[in-house]
């Protein structure tokens, strides 16, 4: 995918850097996507299951084209390891 298409579907990145061999764009989704699932019982027992639900997507470009995508940060949710990243790329995938 070309950089112009990425900008059109994912929006303007939060951070951007030029490197010796291309460009790196970082998208941050820091608002919690899914909170923990909590079970409370009458005898003071509490169980929290879930993930933090944030995502940082780092996109490497070479010659204006995407070459790599990495997901970083605490992105695990009940829906899967990278489910918190879904809002960042959903509109870019057919």
N, C-alpha and C. Protein backbone atom coordinates (compact mmCIF):
# COMPACT_ATOMS: atom_id res chain seq x y z
N UNK A 1 0.84 -1.17 0.00
CA UNK A 1 0.00 0.00 0.00
C UNK A 1 0.89 1.24 0.00
N UNK A 2 0.48 2.23 -0.72
CA UNK A 2 1.23 3.48 -0.79
C UNK A 2 0.94 4.34 0.44
N UNK A 3 1.88 5.22 0.76
CA UNK A 3 1.73 6.11 1.91
C UNK A 3 0.47 6.96 1.78
N UNK A 4 0.18 7.46 0.61
CA UNK A 4 -1.01 8.29 0.42
C UNK A 4 -2.29 7.52 0.73
N UNK A 5 -2.35 6.23 0.37
CA UNK A 5 -3.51 5.39 0.69
C UNK A 5 -3.61 5.14 2.18
N UNK A 6 -2.47 4.92 2.84
CA UNK A 6 -2.44 4.72 4.29
C UNK A 6 -2.96 5.97 5.00
N UNK A 7 -2.51 7.13 4.59
CA UNK A 7 -2.96 8.38 5.20
C UNK A 7 -4.46 8.58 4.97
N UNK A 8 -4.95 8.17 3.81
CA UNK A 8 -6.37 8.34 3.51
C UNK A 8 -7.25 7.43 4.36
N UNK A 9 -6.80 6.22 4.66
CA UNK A 9 -7.66 5.29 5.40
C UNK A 9 -7.38 5.26 6.90
N UNK A 10 -6.14 5.46 7.33
CA UNK A 10 -5.81 5.39 8.76
C UNK A 10 -5.66 6.77 9.39
N UNK A 11 -5.53 7.79 8.56
CA UNK A 11 -5.39 9.14 9.09
C UNK A 11 -3.94 9.56 9.24
N UNK A 12 -3.77 10.73 9.80
CA UNK A 12 -2.43 11.29 10.02
C UNK A 12 -1.79 10.59 11.22
N UNK A 13 -0.53 10.16 11.10
CA UNK A 13 0.12 9.47 12.23
C UNK A 13 0.40 10.41 13.39
N UNK A 14 0.54 9.83 14.57
CA UNK A 14 0.86 10.61 15.77
C UNK A 14 2.32 11.03 15.79
N UNK A 15 3.19 10.19 15.24
CA UNK A 15 4.62 10.51 15.16
C UNK A 15 5.15 10.05 13.82
N UNK A 16 6.22 10.69 13.39
CA UNK A 16 6.79 10.38 12.09
C UNK A 16 8.30 10.65 12.16
N UNK A 17 9.09 9.78 11.55
CA UNK A 17 10.54 9.97 11.55
C UNK A 17 11.12 9.50 10.23
N UNK A 18 12.11 10.21 9.77
CA UNK A 18 12.86 9.81 8.58
C UNK A 18 14.07 9.02 9.03
N UNK A 19 14.35 7.93 8.35
CA UNK A 19 15.52 7.11 8.65
C UNK A 19 16.41 7.08 7.41
N UNK A 20 17.58 6.47 7.55
CA UNK A 20 18.50 6.42 6.42
C UNK A 20 17.94 5.57 5.27
N UNK A 21 17.05 4.65 5.58
CA UNK A 21 16.51 3.79 4.52
C UNK A 21 15.00 3.92 4.36
N UNK A 22 14.40 5.04 4.73
CA UNK A 22 12.98 5.22 4.53
C UNK A 22 12.34 6.12 5.57
N UNK A 23 11.16 5.73 5.97
CA UNK A 23 10.35 6.53 6.88
C UNK A 23 9.62 5.62 7.83
N UNK A 24 9.36 6.09 9.04
CA UNK A 24 8.62 5.33 10.04
C UNK A 24 7.47 6.20 10.55
N UNK A 25 6.26 5.63 10.55
CA UNK A 25 5.07 6.31 11.06
C UNK A 25 4.56 5.55 12.27
N UNK A 26 4.15 6.27 13.31
CA UNK A 26 3.59 5.61 14.50
C UNK A 26 2.17 6.12 14.73
N UNK A 27 1.27 5.16 14.82
CA UNK A 27 -0.13 5.45 15.17
C UNK A 27 -0.35 4.95 16.59
N UNK A 28 -0.99 5.77 17.40
CA UNK A 28 -1.23 5.41 18.80
C UNK A 28 -2.73 5.38 19.07
N UNK A 29 -3.17 4.29 19.62
CA UNK A 29 -4.55 4.16 20.07
C UNK A 29 -4.46 3.90 21.57
N UNK A 30 -4.44 4.97 22.36
CA UNK A 30 -4.21 4.84 23.79
C UNK A 30 -5.49 4.78 24.62
N UNK A 31 -6.63 5.05 24.00
CA UNK A 31 -7.88 4.93 24.74
C UNK A 31 -8.21 3.45 24.86
N UNK A 32 -8.54 3.02 26.05
CA UNK A 32 -8.76 1.60 26.30
C UNK A 32 -9.92 1.08 25.46
N UNK A 33 -9.65 0.03 24.68
CA UNK A 33 -10.65 -0.55 23.80
C UNK A 33 -11.60 -1.45 24.57
N UNK A 34 -11.08 -2.24 25.45
CA UNK A 34 -11.89 -3.20 26.20
C UNK A 34 -11.39 -3.25 27.63
N UNK A 35 -12.26 -2.99 28.55
CA UNK A 35 -11.89 -3.06 29.96
C UNK A 35 -11.88 -4.49 30.45
N UNK A 36 -11.42 -4.70 31.65
CA UNK A 36 -11.41 -6.05 32.19
C UNK A 36 -12.81 -6.54 32.50
N UNK A 37 -13.00 -7.82 32.41
CA UNK A 37 -14.24 -8.48 32.79
C UNK A 37 -14.11 -8.83 34.26
N UNK A 38 -15.00 -8.31 35.10
CA UNK A 38 -14.88 -8.47 36.55
C UNK A 38 -16.01 -9.31 37.09
N UNK A 39 -15.65 -10.27 37.95
CA UNK A 39 -16.64 -11.09 38.66
C UNK A 39 -16.47 -10.83 40.14
N UNK A 40 -17.54 -10.45 40.82
CA UNK A 40 -17.49 -10.22 42.26
C UNK A 40 -18.50 -11.14 42.93
N UNK A 41 -18.11 -11.66 44.08
CA UNK A 41 -18.99 -12.54 44.84
C UNK A 41 -19.29 -11.93 46.19
N UNK A 42 -20.32 -12.40 46.85
CA UNK A 42 -20.68 -11.84 48.16
C UNK A 42 -19.63 -12.05 49.26
N UNK A 43 -18.68 -12.95 49.05
CA UNK A 43 -17.71 -13.23 50.12
C UNK A 43 -16.37 -12.54 49.87
N UNK A 44 -16.40 -11.35 49.28
CA UNK A 44 -15.19 -10.54 49.05
C UNK A 44 -14.18 -11.21 48.12
N UNK A 45 -14.64 -11.92 47.15
CA UNK A 45 -13.76 -12.51 46.15
C UNK A 45 -13.98 -11.77 44.84
N UNK A 46 -12.90 -11.33 44.22
CA UNK A 46 -12.99 -10.57 42.98
C UNK A 46 -12.03 -11.16 41.97
N UNK A 47 -12.48 -11.34 40.73
CA UNK A 47 -11.66 -11.89 39.67
C UNK A 47 -11.75 -10.98 38.46
N UNK A 48 -10.60 -10.47 37.99
CA UNK A 48 -10.54 -9.62 36.81
C UNK A 48 -9.85 -10.39 35.69
N UNK A 49 -10.50 -10.46 34.55
CA UNK A 49 -9.95 -11.13 33.38
C UNK A 49 -10.01 -10.14 32.23
N UNK A 50 -8.91 -9.97 31.53
CA UNK A 50 -8.93 -9.06 30.39
C UNK A 50 -7.59 -8.42 30.18
N UNK A 51 -7.52 -7.63 29.16
CA UNK A 51 -6.28 -6.97 28.83
C UNK A 51 -6.41 -5.47 28.92
N UNK A 52 -5.29 -4.81 28.74
CA UNK A 52 -5.25 -3.36 28.84
C UNK A 52 -5.97 -2.72 27.66
N UNK A 53 -5.81 -3.24 26.48
CA UNK A 53 -6.57 -2.80 25.33
C UNK A 53 -6.10 -1.55 24.63
N UNK A 54 -4.81 -1.27 24.61
CA UNK A 54 -4.29 -0.15 23.83
C UNK A 54 -3.35 -0.70 22.76
N UNK A 55 -3.03 0.13 21.77
CA UNK A 55 -2.18 -0.35 20.69
C UNK A 55 -1.36 0.77 20.10
N UNK A 56 -0.14 0.45 19.74
CA UNK A 56 0.73 1.35 18.98
C UNK A 56 1.11 0.59 17.71
N UNK A 57 0.83 1.17 16.57
CA UNK A 57 1.15 0.55 15.30
C UNK A 57 2.30 1.34 14.66
N UNK A 58 3.39 0.65 14.35
CA UNK A 58 4.56 1.27 13.75
C UNK A 58 4.67 0.75 12.31
N UNK A 59 4.62 1.69 11.37
CA UNK A 59 4.64 1.35 9.95
C UNK A 59 5.95 1.83 9.34
N UNK A 60 6.68 0.92 8.69
CA UNK A 60 7.92 1.27 7.98
C UNK A 60 7.61 1.42 6.50
N UNK A 61 8.13 2.48 5.91
CA UNK A 61 7.93 2.74 4.49
C UNK A 61 9.28 2.86 3.78
N UNK A 62 9.32 2.39 2.56
CA UNK A 62 10.50 2.51 1.72
C UNK A 62 10.02 2.91 0.34
N UNK A 63 10.49 4.03 -0.16
CA UNK A 63 10.05 4.51 -1.46
C UNK A 63 8.57 4.83 -1.51
N UNK A 64 8.00 5.23 -0.38
CA UNK A 64 6.59 5.59 -0.33
C UNK A 64 5.63 4.42 -0.22
N UNK A 65 6.17 3.19 -0.05
CA UNK A 65 5.34 1.99 0.08
C UNK A 65 5.57 1.32 1.43
N UNK A 66 4.53 0.74 1.99
CA UNK A 66 4.64 0.03 3.28
C UNK A 66 5.48 -1.23 3.09
N UNK A 67 6.48 -1.40 3.95
CA UNK A 67 7.31 -2.60 3.91
C UNK A 67 7.12 -3.47 5.15
N UNK A 68 6.78 -2.86 6.29
CA UNK A 68 6.60 -3.61 7.54
C UNK A 68 5.56 -2.90 8.41
N UNK A 69 4.86 -3.70 9.19
CA UNK A 69 3.95 -3.18 10.21
C UNK A 69 4.23 -3.95 11.49
N UNK A 70 4.46 -3.22 12.58
CA UNK A 70 4.69 -3.83 13.89
C UNK A 70 3.67 -3.28 14.86
N UNK A 71 3.21 -4.11 15.77
CA UNK A 71 2.29 -3.70 16.82
C UNK A 71 3.03 -3.77 18.14
N UNK A 72 3.00 -2.70 18.91
CA UNK A 72 3.68 -2.67 20.19
C UNK A 72 2.72 -2.20 21.26
N UNK A 73 3.14 -2.32 22.48
CA UNK A 73 2.33 -1.86 23.60
C UNK A 73 1.47 -2.97 24.16
N UNK A 74 0.79 -2.69 25.24
CA UNK A 74 -0.07 -3.69 25.89
C UNK A 74 -1.39 -3.81 25.13
N UNK A 75 -1.42 -4.62 24.08
CA UNK A 75 -2.58 -4.66 23.21
C UNK A 75 -3.48 -5.88 23.39
N UNK A 76 -3.20 -6.75 24.33
CA UNK A 76 -4.01 -7.96 24.50
C UNK A 76 -5.37 -7.65 25.12
N UNK A 77 -6.40 -8.21 24.51
CA UNK A 77 -7.76 -8.11 25.04
C UNK A 77 -8.36 -9.51 25.04
N UNK A 78 -9.59 -9.63 25.49
CA UNK A 78 -10.27 -10.93 25.46
C UNK A 78 -10.49 -11.42 24.03
N UNK A 79 -10.46 -10.52 23.06
CA UNK A 79 -10.68 -10.87 21.65
C UNK A 79 -9.39 -11.35 20.96
N UNK A 80 -8.25 -11.23 21.62
CA UNK A 80 -7.00 -11.72 21.04
C UNK A 80 -5.84 -10.79 21.31
N UNK A 81 -4.66 -11.25 20.90
CA UNK A 81 -3.42 -10.55 21.21
C UNK A 81 -3.36 -9.14 20.62
N UNK A 82 -3.78 -8.98 19.37
CA UNK A 82 -3.70 -7.67 18.72
C UNK A 82 -5.07 -7.06 18.44
N UNK A 83 -6.09 -7.52 19.12
CA UNK A 83 -7.45 -7.04 18.87
C UNK A 83 -7.60 -5.56 19.13
N UNK A 84 -6.84 -5.00 20.03
CA UNK A 84 -6.93 -3.56 20.31
C UNK A 84 -6.44 -2.73 19.14
N UNK A 85 -5.68 -3.34 18.23
CA UNK A 85 -5.17 -2.63 17.06
C UNK A 85 -6.19 -2.57 15.92
N UNK A 86 -7.26 -3.32 16.03
CA UNK A 86 -8.25 -3.39 14.96
C UNK A 86 -8.76 -2.03 14.51
N UNK A 87 -9.13 -1.11 15.42
CA UNK A 87 -9.63 0.19 14.95
C UNK A 87 -8.61 0.99 14.13
N UNK A 88 -7.34 0.73 14.33
CA UNK A 88 -6.31 1.48 13.59
C UNK A 88 -6.21 1.05 12.13
N UNK A 89 -6.51 -0.21 11.83
CA UNK A 89 -6.30 -0.70 10.46
C UNK A 89 -7.56 -1.18 9.77
N UNK A 90 -8.68 -1.23 10.49
CA UNK A 90 -9.91 -1.81 9.94
C UNK A 90 -10.35 -1.13 8.64
N UNK A 91 -10.28 0.16 8.58
CA UNK A 91 -10.75 0.86 7.38
C UNK A 91 -9.79 0.72 6.21
N UNK A 92 -8.58 0.21 6.46
CA UNK A 92 -7.60 0.04 5.38
C UNK A 92 -7.64 -1.35 4.75
N UNK A 93 -8.37 -2.27 5.37
CA UNK A 93 -8.40 -3.65 4.88
C UNK A 93 -9.76 -3.93 4.27
N UNK A 94 -9.76 -4.43 3.05
CA UNK A 94 -11.03 -4.78 2.38
C UNK A 94 -11.50 -6.13 2.82
